[in-house]
N, C-alpha and C. Protein backbone atom coordinates (compact mmCIF):
# COMPACT_ATOMS: atom_id res chain seq x y z
N MET A 1 0.86 -1.17 0.00
CA MET A 1 0.00 0.00 0.00
C MET A 1 0.90 1.23 0.00
N LYS A 2 0.55 2.21 -0.81
CA LYS A 2 1.35 3.42 -0.93
C LYS A 2 0.59 4.61 -0.36
N VAL A 3 1.27 5.37 0.50
CA VAL A 3 0.70 6.57 1.09
C VAL A 3 1.66 7.71 0.82
N GLU A 4 1.15 8.81 0.28
CA GLU A 4 2.01 9.96 0.04
C GLU A 4 1.19 11.25 0.02
N ILE A 5 1.86 12.35 0.23
CA ILE A 5 1.25 13.67 0.15
C ILE A 5 1.88 14.36 -1.05
N VAL A 6 1.04 14.92 -1.91
CA VAL A 6 1.54 15.57 -3.12
C VAL A 6 1.07 17.02 -3.15
N ASP A 7 1.73 17.81 -3.97
CA ASP A 7 1.34 19.22 -4.06
C ASP A 7 0.81 19.58 -5.44
N GLN A 8 0.17 18.61 -6.09
CA GLN A 8 -0.46 18.90 -7.38
C GLN A 8 -1.88 18.34 -7.38
N VAL A 9 -2.66 18.76 -8.33
CA VAL A 9 -4.03 18.27 -8.47
C VAL A 9 -3.97 16.82 -8.95
N LEU A 10 -4.73 15.96 -8.29
CA LEU A 10 -4.77 14.56 -8.70
C LEU A 10 -5.97 14.31 -9.60
N PRO A 11 -5.76 13.64 -10.71
CA PRO A 11 -6.89 13.30 -11.59
C PRO A 11 -7.62 12.08 -11.01
N SER A 12 -8.67 12.32 -10.25
CA SER A 12 -9.37 11.27 -9.52
C SER A 12 -9.75 10.05 -10.37
N PRO A 13 -10.34 10.23 -11.56
CA PRO A 13 -10.71 9.04 -12.34
C PRO A 13 -9.50 8.18 -12.72
N GLN A 14 -8.38 8.79 -13.06
CA GLN A 14 -7.20 8.02 -13.44
C GLN A 14 -6.59 7.31 -12.23
N VAL A 15 -6.57 7.98 -11.08
CA VAL A 15 -6.04 7.36 -9.87
C VAL A 15 -6.92 6.17 -9.48
N THR A 16 -8.22 6.35 -9.55
CA THR A 16 -9.15 5.27 -9.23
C THR A 16 -8.90 4.07 -10.14
N GLU A 17 -8.72 4.31 -11.42
CA GLU A 17 -8.47 3.24 -12.38
C GLU A 17 -7.17 2.50 -12.06
N GLN A 18 -6.17 3.21 -11.59
CA GLN A 18 -4.87 2.60 -11.27
C GLN A 18 -4.95 1.72 -10.01
N ILE A 19 -5.78 2.08 -9.05
CA ILE A 19 -5.78 1.34 -7.78
C ILE A 19 -6.87 0.29 -7.68
N LYS A 20 -7.92 0.41 -8.45
CA LYS A 20 -9.04 -0.53 -8.36
C LYS A 20 -8.70 -1.82 -9.10
N ALA A 21 -8.96 -2.95 -8.44
CA ALA A 21 -8.67 -4.25 -9.05
C ALA A 21 -9.91 -5.13 -9.06
N GLY A 22 -10.12 -5.85 -10.14
CA GLY A 22 -11.16 -6.86 -10.28
C GLY A 22 -12.45 -6.60 -9.53
N PRO A 23 -12.71 -7.41 -8.50
CA PRO A 23 -13.99 -7.34 -7.80
C PRO A 23 -14.04 -6.28 -6.70
N ASP A 24 -13.07 -5.38 -6.65
CA ASP A 24 -13.09 -4.35 -5.61
C ASP A 24 -14.41 -3.58 -5.64
N GLY A 25 -14.82 -3.13 -4.48
CA GLY A 25 -16.04 -2.34 -4.35
C GLY A 25 -15.80 -0.88 -4.70
N PRO A 26 -16.67 0.00 -4.23
CA PRO A 26 -16.57 1.42 -4.55
C PRO A 26 -15.28 2.05 -4.01
N VAL A 27 -14.90 3.14 -4.65
CA VAL A 27 -13.73 3.92 -4.22
C VAL A 27 -14.24 5.26 -3.71
N CYS A 28 -13.71 5.70 -2.60
CA CYS A 28 -14.08 6.99 -2.04
C CYS A 28 -12.88 7.92 -2.13
N VAL A 29 -13.04 9.04 -2.82
CA VAL A 29 -11.98 10.03 -2.96
C VAL A 29 -12.43 11.29 -2.23
N SER A 30 -11.57 11.80 -1.38
CA SER A 30 -11.92 12.96 -0.58
C SER A 30 -11.02 14.14 -0.93
N HIS A 31 -11.62 15.28 -1.17
CA HIS A 31 -10.88 16.51 -1.43
C HIS A 31 -11.23 17.50 -0.32
N GLY A 32 -10.30 18.36 0.02
CA GLY A 32 -10.57 19.33 1.07
C GLY A 32 -10.20 20.74 0.62
N MET A 33 -10.64 21.70 1.39
CA MET A 33 -10.35 23.09 1.10
C MET A 33 -9.94 23.77 2.40
N VAL A 34 -9.02 24.69 2.30
CA VAL A 34 -8.53 25.41 3.46
C VAL A 34 -9.03 26.85 3.39
N ARG A 35 -9.50 27.35 4.52
CA ARG A 35 -9.95 28.75 4.55
C ARG A 35 -8.79 29.68 4.23
N ASN A 36 -9.09 30.84 3.68
CA ASN A 36 -8.02 31.81 3.37
C ASN A 36 -7.66 32.66 4.58
N ASN A 37 -8.40 32.46 5.70
CA ASN A 37 -8.06 33.20 6.91
C ASN A 37 -8.68 32.51 8.12
N THR A 38 -8.14 32.84 9.28
CA THR A 38 -8.71 32.42 10.56
C THR A 38 -9.00 33.69 11.32
N ARG A 39 -10.27 34.02 11.38
CA ARG A 39 -10.73 35.29 11.91
C ARG A 39 -10.11 36.41 11.08
N VAL A 40 -9.18 37.18 11.63
CA VAL A 40 -8.59 38.28 10.84
C VAL A 40 -7.20 37.93 10.33
N TRP A 41 -6.66 36.75 10.70
CA TRP A 41 -5.30 36.39 10.30
C TRP A 41 -5.31 35.61 9.00
N PRO A 42 -4.57 36.06 7.99
CA PRO A 42 -4.53 35.33 6.71
C PRO A 42 -3.80 33.99 6.86
N THR A 43 -4.23 33.01 6.08
CA THR A 43 -3.57 31.71 6.06
C THR A 43 -2.53 31.73 4.95
N PHE A 44 -1.27 31.56 5.32
CA PHE A 44 -0.19 31.55 4.34
C PHE A 44 0.19 30.13 3.94
N TYR A 45 0.16 29.19 4.89
CA TYR A 45 0.52 27.81 4.62
C TYR A 45 0.05 26.91 5.76
N LEU A 46 0.02 25.61 5.50
CA LEU A 46 -0.28 24.61 6.53
C LEU A 46 0.97 23.78 6.71
N ASP A 47 1.26 23.43 7.94
CA ASP A 47 2.46 22.65 8.22
C ASP A 47 2.10 21.46 9.10
N SER A 48 1.41 20.49 8.52
CA SER A 48 1.03 19.31 9.28
C SER A 48 1.42 18.04 8.54
N GLU A 49 2.25 18.18 7.53
CA GLU A 49 2.58 17.06 6.66
C GLU A 49 3.16 15.87 7.41
N ALA A 50 4.14 16.08 8.28
CA ALA A 50 4.78 14.96 8.98
C ALA A 50 3.78 14.21 9.86
N MET A 51 2.96 14.93 10.60
CA MET A 51 1.99 14.30 11.48
C MET A 51 0.93 13.56 10.66
N VAL A 52 0.43 14.17 9.62
CA VAL A 52 -0.62 13.57 8.79
C VAL A 52 -0.08 12.33 8.09
N LEU A 53 1.10 12.40 7.52
CA LEU A 53 1.67 11.27 6.80
C LEU A 53 1.90 10.09 7.75
N ALA A 54 2.39 10.34 8.95
CA ALA A 54 2.59 9.27 9.93
C ALA A 54 1.26 8.60 10.28
N GLN A 55 0.22 9.39 10.48
CA GLN A 55 -1.10 8.84 10.80
C GLN A 55 -1.66 8.04 9.62
N MET A 56 -1.49 8.55 8.40
CA MET A 56 -1.97 7.84 7.22
C MET A 56 -1.26 6.50 7.06
N ASN A 57 0.04 6.46 7.31
CA ASN A 57 0.78 5.21 7.21
C ASN A 57 0.33 4.22 8.28
N GLN A 58 0.04 4.72 9.48
CA GLN A 58 -0.45 3.86 10.55
C GLN A 58 -1.81 3.26 10.18
N LEU A 59 -2.70 4.08 9.65
CA LEU A 59 -4.02 3.59 9.22
C LEU A 59 -3.89 2.58 8.08
N ALA A 60 -2.99 2.82 7.15
CA ALA A 60 -2.76 1.90 6.04
C ALA A 60 -2.27 0.55 6.57
N ALA A 61 -1.36 0.56 7.53
CA ALA A 61 -0.85 -0.68 8.11
C ALA A 61 -1.97 -1.44 8.82
N GLN A 62 -2.82 -0.73 9.54
CA GLN A 62 -3.94 -1.37 10.23
C GLN A 62 -4.92 -1.98 9.23
N ALA A 63 -5.20 -1.26 8.15
CA ALA A 63 -6.12 -1.77 7.12
C ALA A 63 -5.54 -3.00 6.45
N THR A 64 -4.24 -3.00 6.19
CA THR A 64 -3.59 -4.13 5.55
C THR A 64 -3.66 -5.37 6.44
N GLU A 65 -3.51 -5.18 7.75
CA GLU A 65 -3.61 -6.29 8.68
C GLU A 65 -5.04 -6.81 8.82
N ARG A 66 -5.99 -5.91 8.80
CA ARG A 66 -7.37 -6.25 9.10
C ARG A 66 -8.16 -6.79 7.91
N PHE A 67 -7.90 -6.24 6.72
CA PHE A 67 -8.69 -6.56 5.55
C PHE A 67 -7.84 -7.24 4.48
N VAL A 68 -8.50 -8.03 3.65
CA VAL A 68 -7.84 -8.63 2.48
C VAL A 68 -7.87 -7.56 1.40
N LEU A 69 -6.71 -7.07 1.03
CA LEU A 69 -6.62 -6.02 0.02
C LEU A 69 -6.15 -6.60 -1.30
N GLY A 70 -6.89 -6.34 -2.36
CA GLY A 70 -6.51 -6.85 -3.67
C GLY A 70 -5.28 -6.16 -4.21
N GLU A 71 -4.50 -6.89 -4.96
CA GLU A 71 -3.31 -6.32 -5.61
C GLU A 71 -3.65 -6.09 -7.08
N LYS A 72 -3.12 -5.00 -7.63
CA LYS A 72 -3.34 -4.73 -9.05
C LYS A 72 -2.02 -4.65 -9.74
């Protein structure tokens, strides 16, 4: 299982096609948006990459242990 954070727009249909195998069920793709400010303070950047990536890898490991994941 591959987990990564990227800084470009992902083409959801193409990514889905690459990861979906045979009898796999539905795919859920989530996109988010960041506010341009918090109250009166402008948002210049977010710096949570290390924490988020570690959590995503932990969840991926748990899913791999718990569920039978198809290989493509």
